[in-house]
Full PDB file with SEQRES, HELIX, SHEET, SSBOND, CRYST1, ORIGX, SCALE, CONECT and MASTER records, all heavy atoms in Angstrom:
SEQRES   1 A   30  ARG GLN LEU ARG ASP GLY PHE SER ASP ARG PRO GLU SER          
SEQRES   2 A   30  PHE PRO TRP SER LEU GLY LEU CYS GLY MET ARG ASP VAL          
SEQRES   3 A   30  ARG ASP TYR LYS                                              
HELIX    1 AA1 GLN A    2  PHE A    7  1                                   6    
HELIX    2 AA2 VAL A   26  ASP A   28  5                                   3    
CRYST1    1.000    1.000    1.000  90.00  90.00  90.00 P 1           1          
ORIGX1      1.000000  0.000000  0.000000        0.00000                         
ORIGX2      0.000000  1.000000  0.000000        0.00000                         
ORIGX3      0.000000  0.000000  1.000000        0.00000                         
SCALE1      1.000000  0.000000  0.000000        0.00000                         
SCALE2      0.000000  1.000000  0.000000        0.00000                         
SCALE3      0.000000  0.000000  1.000000        0.00000                         
ATOM      1  N   ARG A   1     304.632 171.928  92.744  1.00  0.00           N  
ATOM      2  CA  ARG A   1     304.975 173.295  92.220  1.00  0.00           C  
ATOM      3  C   ARG A   1     304.041 173.711  91.089  1.00  0.00           C  
ATOM      4  O   ARG A   1     303.620 174.878  91.019  1.00  0.00           O  
ATOM      5  CB  ARG A   1     306.435 173.245  91.771  1.00  0.00           C  
ATOM      6  CG  ARG A   1     307.410 173.116  92.928  1.00  0.00           C  
ATOM      7  CD  ARG A   1     308.833 173.361  92.329  1.00  0.00           C  
ATOM      8  NE  ARG A   1     309.858 172.988  93.366  1.00  0.00           N  
ATOM      9  CZ  ARG A   1     310.616 171.913  93.383  1.00  0.00           C  
ATOM     10  NH1 ARG A   1     310.573 171.068  92.340  1.00  0.00           N  
ATOM     11  NH2 ARG A   1     311.500 171.721  94.315  1.00  0.00           N  
ATOM     12  N   GLN A   2     303.691 172.759  90.191  1.00  0.00           N  
ATOM     13  CA  GLN A   2     302.807 173.094  89.112  1.00  0.00           C  
ATOM     14  C   GLN A   2     301.403 173.395  89.598  1.00  0.00           C  
ATOM     15  O   GLN A   2     300.728 174.382  89.162  1.00  0.00           O  
ATOM     16  CB  GLN A   2     302.748 171.924  88.159  1.00  0.00           C  
ATOM     17  CG  GLN A   2     304.102 171.702  87.407  1.00  0.00           C  
ATOM     18  CD  GLN A   2     304.046 170.486  86.482  1.00  0.00           C  
ATOM     19  OE1 GLN A   2     303.210 170.508  85.497  1.00  0.00           O  
ATOM     20  NE2 GLN A   2     304.784 169.472  86.785  1.00  0.00           N  
ATOM     21  N   LEU A   3     300.928 172.672  90.632  1.00  0.00           N  
ATOM     22  CA  LEU A   3     299.557 172.962  91.179  1.00  0.00           C  
ATOM     23  C   LEU A   3     299.532 174.344  91.794  1.00  0.00           C  
ATOM     24  O   LEU A   3     298.637 175.084  91.600  1.00  0.00           O  
ATOM     25  CB  LEU A   3     299.208 171.912  92.225  1.00  0.00           C  
ATOM     26  CG  LEU A   3     299.051 170.447  91.717  1.00  0.00           C  
ATOM     27  CD1 LEU A   3     298.689 169.556  92.882  1.00  0.00           C  
ATOM     28  CD2 LEU A   3     298.004 170.366  90.648  1.00  0.00           C  
ATOM     29  N   ARG A   4     300.549 174.710  92.507  1.00  0.00           N  
ATOM     30  CA  ARG A   4     300.633 175.966  93.280  1.00  0.00           C  
ATOM     31  C   ARG A   4     300.792 177.130  92.236  1.00  0.00           C  
ATOM     32  O   ARG A   4     300.250 178.246  92.441  1.00  0.00           O  
ATOM     33  CB  ARG A   4     301.709 175.994  94.326  1.00  0.00           C  
ATOM     34  CG  ARG A   4     301.273 175.049  95.489  1.00  0.00           C  
ATOM     35  CD  ARG A   4     302.375 174.834  96.469  1.00  0.00           C  
ATOM     36  NE  ARG A   4     301.894 173.998  97.569  1.00  0.00           N  
ATOM     37  CZ  ARG A   4     302.697 173.375  98.433  1.00  0.00           C  
ATOM     38  NH1 ARG A   4     303.968 173.413  98.262  1.00  0.00           N  
ATOM     39  NH2 ARG A   4     302.167 172.671  99.425  1.00  0.00           N  
ATOM     40  N   ASP A   5     301.631 176.891  91.214  1.00  0.00           N  
ATOM     41  CA  ASP A   5     301.889 177.866  90.220  1.00  0.00           C  
ATOM     42  C   ASP A   5     300.604 178.231  89.435  1.00  0.00           C  
ATOM     43  O   ASP A   5     300.323 179.436  89.110  1.00  0.00           O  
ATOM     44  CB  ASP A   5     302.990 177.476  89.267  1.00  0.00           C  
ATOM     45  CG  ASP A   5     303.270 178.570  88.251  1.00  0.00           C  
ATOM     46  OD1 ASP A   5     303.713 179.691  88.682  1.00  0.00           O  
ATOM     47  OD2 ASP A   5     303.073 178.288  87.040  1.00  0.00           O  
ATOM     48  N   GLY A   6     299.830 177.231  89.056  1.00  0.00           N  
ATOM     49  CA  GLY A   6     298.600 177.445  88.256  1.00  0.00           C  
ATOM     50  C   GLY A   6     297.382 177.824  89.131  1.00  0.00           C  
ATOM     51  O   GLY A   6     296.420 178.316  88.518  1.00  0.00           O  
ATOM     52  N   PHE A   7     297.478 177.739  90.407  1.00  0.00           N  
ATOM     53  CA  PHE A   7     296.298 178.012  91.274  1.00  0.00           C  
ATOM     54  C   PHE A   7     295.759 179.425  91.042  1.00  0.00           C  
ATOM     55  O   PHE A   7     294.579 179.680  90.952  1.00  0.00           O  
ATOM     56  CB  PHE A   7     296.672 177.775  92.709  1.00  0.00           C  
ATOM     57  CG  PHE A   7     295.559 178.019  93.685  1.00  0.00           C  
ATOM     58  CD1 PHE A   7     294.542 177.040  93.877  1.00  0.00           C  
ATOM     59  CD2 PHE A   7     295.464 179.208  94.354  1.00  0.00           C  
ATOM     60  CE1 PHE A   7     293.512 177.350  94.795  1.00  0.00           C  
ATOM     61  CE2 PHE A   7     294.429 179.474  95.269  1.00  0.00           C  
ATOM     62  CZ  PHE A   7     293.510 178.499  95.496  1.00  0.00           C  
ATOM     63  N   SER A   8     296.697 180.429  91.054  1.00  0.00           N  
ATOM     64  CA  SER A   8     296.260 181.795  90.999  1.00  0.00           C  
ATOM     65  C   SER A   8     295.675 182.181  89.691  1.00  0.00           C  
ATOM     66  O   SER A   8     295.063 183.260  89.501  1.00  0.00           O  
ATOM     67  CB  SER A   8     297.469 182.721  91.295  1.00  0.00           C  
ATOM     68  OG  SER A   8     298.441 182.459  90.285  1.00  0.00           O  
ATOM     69  N   ASP A   9     295.852 181.391  88.558  1.00  0.00           N  
ATOM     70  CA  ASP A   9     295.352 181.703  87.284  1.00  0.00           C  
ATOM     71  C   ASP A   9     293.931 181.126  87.006  1.00  0.00           C  
ATOM     72  O   ASP A   9     293.380 181.271  85.931  1.00  0.00           O  
ATOM     73  CB  ASP A   9     296.264 181.135  86.172  1.00  0.00           C  
ATOM     74  CG  ASP A   9     297.609 181.803  86.215  1.00  0.00           C  
ATOM     75  OD1 ASP A   9     297.655 183.017  86.636  1.00  0.00           O  
ATOM     76  OD2 ASP A   9     298.621 181.168  85.857  1.00  0.00           O  
ATOM     77  N   ARG A  10     293.404 180.355  87.974  1.00  0.00           N  
ATOM     78  CA  ARG A  10     292.090 179.807  87.734  1.00  0.00           C  
ATOM     79  C   ARG A  10     291.015 180.829  87.477  1.00  0.00           C  
ATOM     80  O   ARG A  10     291.123 181.940  88.052  1.00  0.00           O  
ATOM     81  CB  ARG A  10     291.607 178.990  89.028  1.00  0.00           C  
ATOM     82  CG  ARG A  10     292.530 177.760  89.340  1.00  0.00           C  
ATOM     83  CD  ARG A  10     291.966 177.094  90.583  1.00  0.00           C  
ATOM     84  NE  ARG A  10     291.725 178.089  91.657  1.00  0.00           N  
ATOM     85  CZ  ARG A  10     290.825 177.897  92.598  1.00  0.00           C  
ATOM     86  NH1 ARG A  10     290.043 176.789  92.632  1.00  0.00           N  
ATOM     87  NH2 ARG A  10     290.696 178.744  93.630  1.00  0.00           N  
ATOM     88  N   PRO A  11     290.145 180.647  86.524  1.00  0.00           N  
ATOM     89  CA  PRO A  11     289.980 179.349  85.739  1.00  0.00           C  
ATOM     90  C   PRO A  11     290.636 179.389  84.311  1.00  0.00           C  
ATOM     91  O   PRO A  11     290.318 178.657  83.475  1.00  0.00           O  
ATOM     92  CB  PRO A  11     288.447 179.317  85.584  1.00  0.00           C  
ATOM     93  CG  PRO A  11     288.045 180.693  85.439  1.00  0.00           C  
ATOM     94  CD  PRO A  11     288.987 181.508  86.343  1.00  0.00           C  
ATOM     95  N   GLU A  12     291.544 180.393  84.165  1.00  0.00           N  
ATOM     96  CA  GLU A  12     292.212 180.517  82.824  1.00  0.00           C  
ATOM     97  C   GLU A  12     293.401 179.510  82.698  1.00  0.00           C  
ATOM     98  O   GLU A  12     294.328 179.505  83.550  1.00  0.00           O  
ATOM     99  CB  GLU A  12     292.785 181.941  82.658  1.00  0.00           C  
ATOM    100  CG  GLU A  12     291.725 183.012  82.710  1.00  0.00           C  
ATOM    101  CD  GLU A  12     290.752 182.939  81.597  1.00  0.00           C  
ATOM    102  OE1 GLU A  12     291.213 182.463  80.525  1.00  0.00           O  
ATOM    103  OE2 GLU A  12     289.607 183.299  81.719  1.00  0.00           O  
ATOM    104  N   SER A  13     293.349 178.599  81.745  1.00  0.00           N  
ATOM    105  CA  SER A  13     294.352 177.639  81.473  1.00  0.00           C  
ATOM    106  C   SER A  13     294.767 176.779  82.693  1.00  0.00           C  
ATOM    107  O   SER A  13     295.881 176.300  82.798  1.00  0.00           O  
ATOM    108  CB  SER A  13     295.660 178.406  80.951  1.00  0.00           C  
ATOM    109  OG  SER A  13     295.315 179.155  79.840  1.00  0.00           O  
ATOM    110  N   PHE A  14     293.785 176.561  83.581  1.00  0.00           N  
ATOM    111  CA  PHE A  14     294.053 175.705  84.736  1.00  0.00           C  
ATOM    112  C   PHE A  14     292.782 175.216  85.292  1.00  0.00           C  
ATOM    113  O   PHE A  14     291.766 175.977  85.327  1.00  0.00           O  
ATOM    114  CB  PHE A  14     294.859 176.485  85.778  1.00  0.00           C  
ATOM    115  CG  PHE A  14     295.600 175.554  86.741  1.00  0.00           C  
ATOM    116  CD1 PHE A  14     296.785 174.894  86.428  1.00  0.00           C  
ATOM    117  CD2 PHE A  14     295.061 175.350  87.965  1.00  0.00           C  
ATOM    118  CE1 PHE A  14     297.420 174.093  87.253  1.00  0.00           C  
ATOM    119  CE2 PHE A  14     295.663 174.513  88.916  1.00  0.00           C  
ATOM    120  CZ  PHE A  14     296.846 173.818  88.585  1.00  0.00           C  
ATOM    121  N   PRO A  15     292.702 173.994  85.839  1.00  0.00           N  
ATOM    122  CA  PRO A  15     291.449 173.485  86.325  1.00  0.00           C  
ATOM    123  C   PRO A  15     290.928 174.375  87.555  1.00  0.00           C  
ATOM    124  O   PRO A  15     291.737 174.747  88.371  1.00  0.00           O  
ATOM    125  CB  PRO A  15     291.820 172.057  86.812  1.00  0.00           C  
ATOM    126  CG  PRO A  15     293.097 171.721  85.969  1.00  0.00           C  
ATOM    127  CD  PRO A  15     293.850 172.986  85.827  1.00  0.00           C  
ATOM    128  N   TRP A  16     289.648 174.539  87.528  1.00  0.00           N  
ATOM    129  CA  TRP A  16     289.042 175.243  88.684  1.00  0.00           C  
ATOM    130  C   TRP A  16     289.053 174.333  89.859  1.00  0.00           C  
ATOM    131  O   TRP A  16     289.249 174.833  90.998  1.00  0.00           O  
ATOM    132  CB  TRP A  16     287.593 175.581  88.311  1.00  0.00           C  
ATOM    133  CG  TRP A  16     286.891 176.338  89.438  1.00  0.00           C  
ATOM    134  CD1 TRP A  16     286.000 175.825  90.346  1.00  0.00           C  
ATOM    135  CD2 TRP A  16     287.063 177.726  89.863  1.00  0.00           C  
ATOM    136  NE1 TRP A  16     285.620 176.755  91.211  1.00  0.00           N  
ATOM    137  CE2 TRP A  16     286.244 177.925  90.921  1.00  0.00           C  
ATOM    138  CE3 TRP A  16     287.831 178.740  89.346  1.00  0.00           C  
ATOM    139  CZ2 TRP A  16     286.134 179.176  91.535  1.00  0.00           C  
ATOM    140  CZ3 TRP A  16     287.708 180.023  89.896  1.00  0.00           C  
ATOM    141  CH2 TRP A  16     286.878 180.243  91.047  1.00  0.00           C  
ATOM    142  N   SER A  17     288.886 173.038  89.664  1.00  0.00           N  
ATOM    143  CA  SER A  17     288.824 172.124  90.840  1.00  0.00           C  
ATOM    144  C   SER A  17     289.660 170.888  90.460  1.00  0.00           C  
ATOM    145  O   SER A  17     289.725 170.510  89.250  1.00  0.00           O  
ATOM    146  CB  SER A  17     287.367 171.691  91.172  1.00  0.00           C  
ATOM    147  OG  SER A  17     287.317 170.742  92.189  1.00  0.00           O  
ATOM    148  N   LEU A  18     290.296 170.319  91.427  1.00  0.00           N  
ATOM    149  CA  LEU A  18     291.159 169.159  91.175  1.00  0.00           C  
ATOM    150  C   LEU A  18     290.920 168.045  92.226  1.00  0.00           C  
ATOM    151  O   LEU A  18     290.869 168.351  93.373  1.00  0.00           O  
ATOM    152  CB  LEU A  18     292.629 169.677  91.270  1.00  0.00           C  
ATOM    153  CG  LEU A  18     293.736 168.654  90.743  1.00  0.00           C  
ATOM    154  CD1 LEU A  18     293.614 168.470  89.252  1.00  0.00           C  
ATOM    155  CD2 LEU A  18     295.059 169.184  91.156  1.00  0.00           C  
ATOM    156  N   GLY A  19     290.835 166.875  91.653  1.00  0.00           N  
ATOM    157  CA  GLY A  19     290.700 165.732  92.660  1.00  0.00           C  
ATOM    158  C   GLY A  19     291.899 164.759  92.355  1.00  0.00           C  
ATOM    159  O   GLY A  19     292.264 164.479  91.243  1.00  0.00           O  
ATOM    160  N   LEU A  20     292.518 164.347  93.410  1.00  0.00           N  
ATOM    161  CA  LEU A  20     293.625 163.379  93.385  1.00  0.00           C  
ATOM    162  C   LEU A  20     293.149 162.023  93.758  1.00  0.00           C  
ATOM    163  O   LEU A  20     292.496 161.867  94.839  1.00  0.00           O  
ATOM    164  CB  LEU A  20     294.829 163.850  94.205  1.00  0.00           C  
ATOM    165  CG  LEU A  20     295.381 165.211  93.942  1.00  0.00           C  
ATOM    166  CD1 LEU A  20     296.523 165.490  94.892  1.00  0.00           C  
ATOM    167  CD2 LEU A  20     295.855 165.282  92.465  1.00  0.00           C  
ATOM    168  N   CYS A  21     293.375 161.047  92.942  1.00  0.00           N  
ATOM    169  CA  CYS A  21     292.907 159.710  93.254  1.00  0.00           C  
ATOM    170  C   CYS A  21     294.086 158.747  93.411  1.00  0.00           C  
ATOM    171  O   CYS A  21     295.053 158.708  92.579  1.00  0.00           O  
ATOM    172  CB  CYS A  21     292.061 159.210  92.024  1.00  0.00           C  
ATOM    173  SG  CYS A  21     291.426 157.539  92.226  1.00  0.00           S  
ATOM    174  N   GLY A  22     294.120 158.041  94.451  1.00  0.00           N  
ATOM    175  CA  GLY A  22     295.251 157.143  94.764  1.00  0.00           C  
ATOM    176  C   GLY A  22     294.869 156.105  95.817  1.00  0.00           C  
ATOM    177  O   GLY A  22     293.725 156.035  96.241  1.00  0.00           O  
ATOM    178  N   MET A  23     295.779 155.365  96.262  1.00  0.00           N  
ATOM    179  CA  MET A  23     295.605 154.290  97.230  1.00  0.00           C  
ATOM    180  C   MET A  23     295.567 154.864  98.702  1.00  0.00           C  
ATOM    181  O   MET A  23     295.206 154.150  99.615  1.00  0.00           O  
ATOM    182  CB  MET A  23     296.585 153.233  97.144  1.00  0.00           C  
ATOM    183  CG  MET A  23     296.541 152.379  95.859  1.00  0.00           C  
ATOM    184  SD  MET A  23     297.625 151.037  95.873  1.00  0.00           S  
ATOM    185  CE  MET A  23     297.102 150.122  94.450  1.00  0.00           C  
ATOM    186  N   ARG A  24     296.047 156.080  98.900  1.00  0.00           N  
ATOM    187  CA  ARG A  24     296.130 156.633 100.213  1.00  0.00           C  
ATOM    188  C   ARG A  24     295.582 158.027 100.280  1.00  0.00           C  
ATOM    189  O   ARG A  24     295.493 158.738  99.248  1.00  0.00           O  
ATOM    190  CB  ARG A  24     297.637 156.628 100.694  1.00  0.00           C  
ATOM    191  CG  ARG A  24     298.405 155.395 100.508  1.00  0.00           C  
ATOM    192  CD  ARG A  24     299.531 155.330 101.443  1.00  0.00           C  
ATOM    193  NE  ARG A  24     299.075 155.210 102.898  1.00  0.00           N  
ATOM    194  CZ  ARG A  24     299.937 155.205 103.921  1.00  0.00           C  
ATOM    195  NH1 ARG A  24     301.173 155.440 103.675  1.00  0.00           N  
ATOM    196  NH2 ARG A  24     299.503 155.082 105.112  1.00  0.00           N  
ATOM    197  N   ASP A  25     295.243 158.471 101.489  1.00  0.00           N  
ATOM    198  CA  ASP A  25     294.865 159.864 101.605  1.00  0.00           C  
ATOM    199  C   ASP A  25     296.117 160.767 101.382  1.00  0.00           C  
ATOM    200  O   ASP A  25     297.229 160.402 101.750  1.00  0.00           O  
ATOM    201  CB  ASP A  25     294.452 160.081 103.138  1.00  0.00           C  
ATOM    202  CG  ASP A  25     293.825 161.440 103.379  1.00  0.00           C  
ATOM    203  OD1 ASP A  25     294.521 162.450 102.930  1.00  0.00           O  
ATOM    204  OD2 ASP A  25     292.803 161.504 104.016  1.00  0.00           O  
ATOM    205  N   VAL A  26     295.875 161.878 100.653  1.00  0.00           N  
ATOM    206  CA  VAL A  26     297.079 162.717 100.274  1.00  0.00           C  
ATOM    207  C   VAL A  26     297.782 163.141 101.480  1.00  0.00           C  
ATOM    208  O   VAL A  26     299.063 163.426 101.365  1.00  0.00           O  
ATOM    209  CB  VAL A  26     296.672 163.905  99.378  1.00  0.00           C  
ATOM    210  CG1 VAL A  26     296.119 163.396  98.065  1.00  0.00           C  
ATOM    211  CG2 VAL A  26     295.580 164.768 100.107  1.00  0.00           C  
ATOM    212  N   ARG A  27     297.149 163.320 102.679  1.00  0.00           N  
ATOM    213  CA  ARG A  27     297.850 163.808 103.815  1.00  0.00           C  
ATOM    214  C   ARG A  27     298.851 162.776 104.354  1.00  0.00           C  
ATOM    215  O   ARG A  27     299.650 163.125 105.210  1.00  0.00           O  
ATOM    216  CB  ARG A  27     296.870 164.147 104.889  1.00  0.00           C  
ATOM    217  CG  ARG A  27     295.919 165.331 104.568  1.00  0.00           C  
ATOM    218  CD  ARG A  27     296.762 166.564 104.327  1.00  0.00           C  
ATOM    219  NE  ARG A  27     297.512 167.069 105.453  1.00  0.00           N  
ATOM    220  CZ  ARG A  27     297.068 167.862 106.425  1.00  0.00           C  
ATOM    221  NH1 ARG A  27     295.852 168.363 106.288  1.00  0.00           N  
ATOM    222  NH2 ARG A  27     297.809 168.237 107.417  1.00  0.00           N  
ATOM    223  N   ASP A  28     298.790 161.572 103.842  1.00  0.00           N  
ATOM    224  CA  ASP A  28     299.745 160.488 104.264  1.00  0.00           C  
ATOM    225  C   ASP A  28     301.030 160.560 103.469  1.00  0.00           C  
ATOM    226  O   ASP A  28     301.993 159.863 103.790  1.00  0.00           O  
ATOM    227  CB  ASP A  28     299.092 159.129 104.130  1.00  0.00           C  
ATOM    228  CG  ASP A  28     298.049 158.867 105.196  1.00  0.00           C  
ATOM    229  OD1 ASP A  28     298.112 159.536 106.247  1.00  0.00           O  
ATOM    230  OD2 ASP A  28     297.126 158.069 104.922  1.00  0.00           O  
ATOM    231  N   TYR A  29     301.094 161.329 102.389  1.00  0.00           N  
ATOM    232  CA  TYR A  29     302.278 161.369 101.618  1.00  0.00           C  
ATOM    233  C   TYR A  29     303.337 162.259 102.247  1.00  0.00           C  
ATOM    234  O   TYR A  29     303.024 163.345 102.744  1.00  0.00           O  
ATOM    235  CB  TYR A  29     301.887 161.915 100.151  1.00  0.00           C  
ATOM    236  CG  TYR A  29     301.372 160.864  99.302  1.00  0.00           C  
ATOM    237  CD1 TYR A  29     299.997 160.633  99.281  1.00  0.00           C  
ATOM    238  CD2 TYR A  29     302.153 160.004  98.546  1.00  0.00           C  
ATOM    239  CE1 TYR A  29     299.364 159.637  98.497  1.00  0.00           C  
ATOM    240  CE2 TYR A  29     301.574 159.022  97.762  1.00  0.00           C  
ATOM    241  CZ  TYR A  29     300.179 158.856  97.669  1.00  0.00           C  
ATOM    242  OH  TYR A  29     299.620 157.844  96.947  1.00  0.00           O  
ATOM    243  N   LYS A  30     304.598 161.887 102.187  1.00  0.00           N  
ATOM    244  CA  LYS A  30     305.691 162.602 102.674  1.00  0.00           C  
ATOM    245  C   LYS A  30     306.742 162.659 101.583  1.00  0.00           C  
ATOM    246  O   LYS A  30     306.817 161.828 100.679  1.00  0.00           O  
ATOM    247  CB  LYS A  30     306.287 161.961 103.952  1.00  0.00           C  
ATOM    248  CG  LYS A  30     305.260 161.846 105.078  1.00  0.00           C  
ATOM    249  CD  LYS A  30     305.891 161.175 106.337  1.00  0.00           C  
ATOM    250  CE  LYS A  30     304.932 161.076 107.475  1.00  0.00           C  
ATOM    251  NZ  LYS A  30     303.791 160.170 107.187  1.00  0.00           N  
TER     252      LYS A  30                                                      
MASTER        0    0    0    2    0    0    0    6  251    1    0    3          
END                                                                             
């Protein structure tokens, strides 16, 4: 929710680009 809420405000007070780092591809998360 926070990612989607801040997306429209880029680049003001929100990252222009975002990388998620973890043990799995994000598409595997449910």
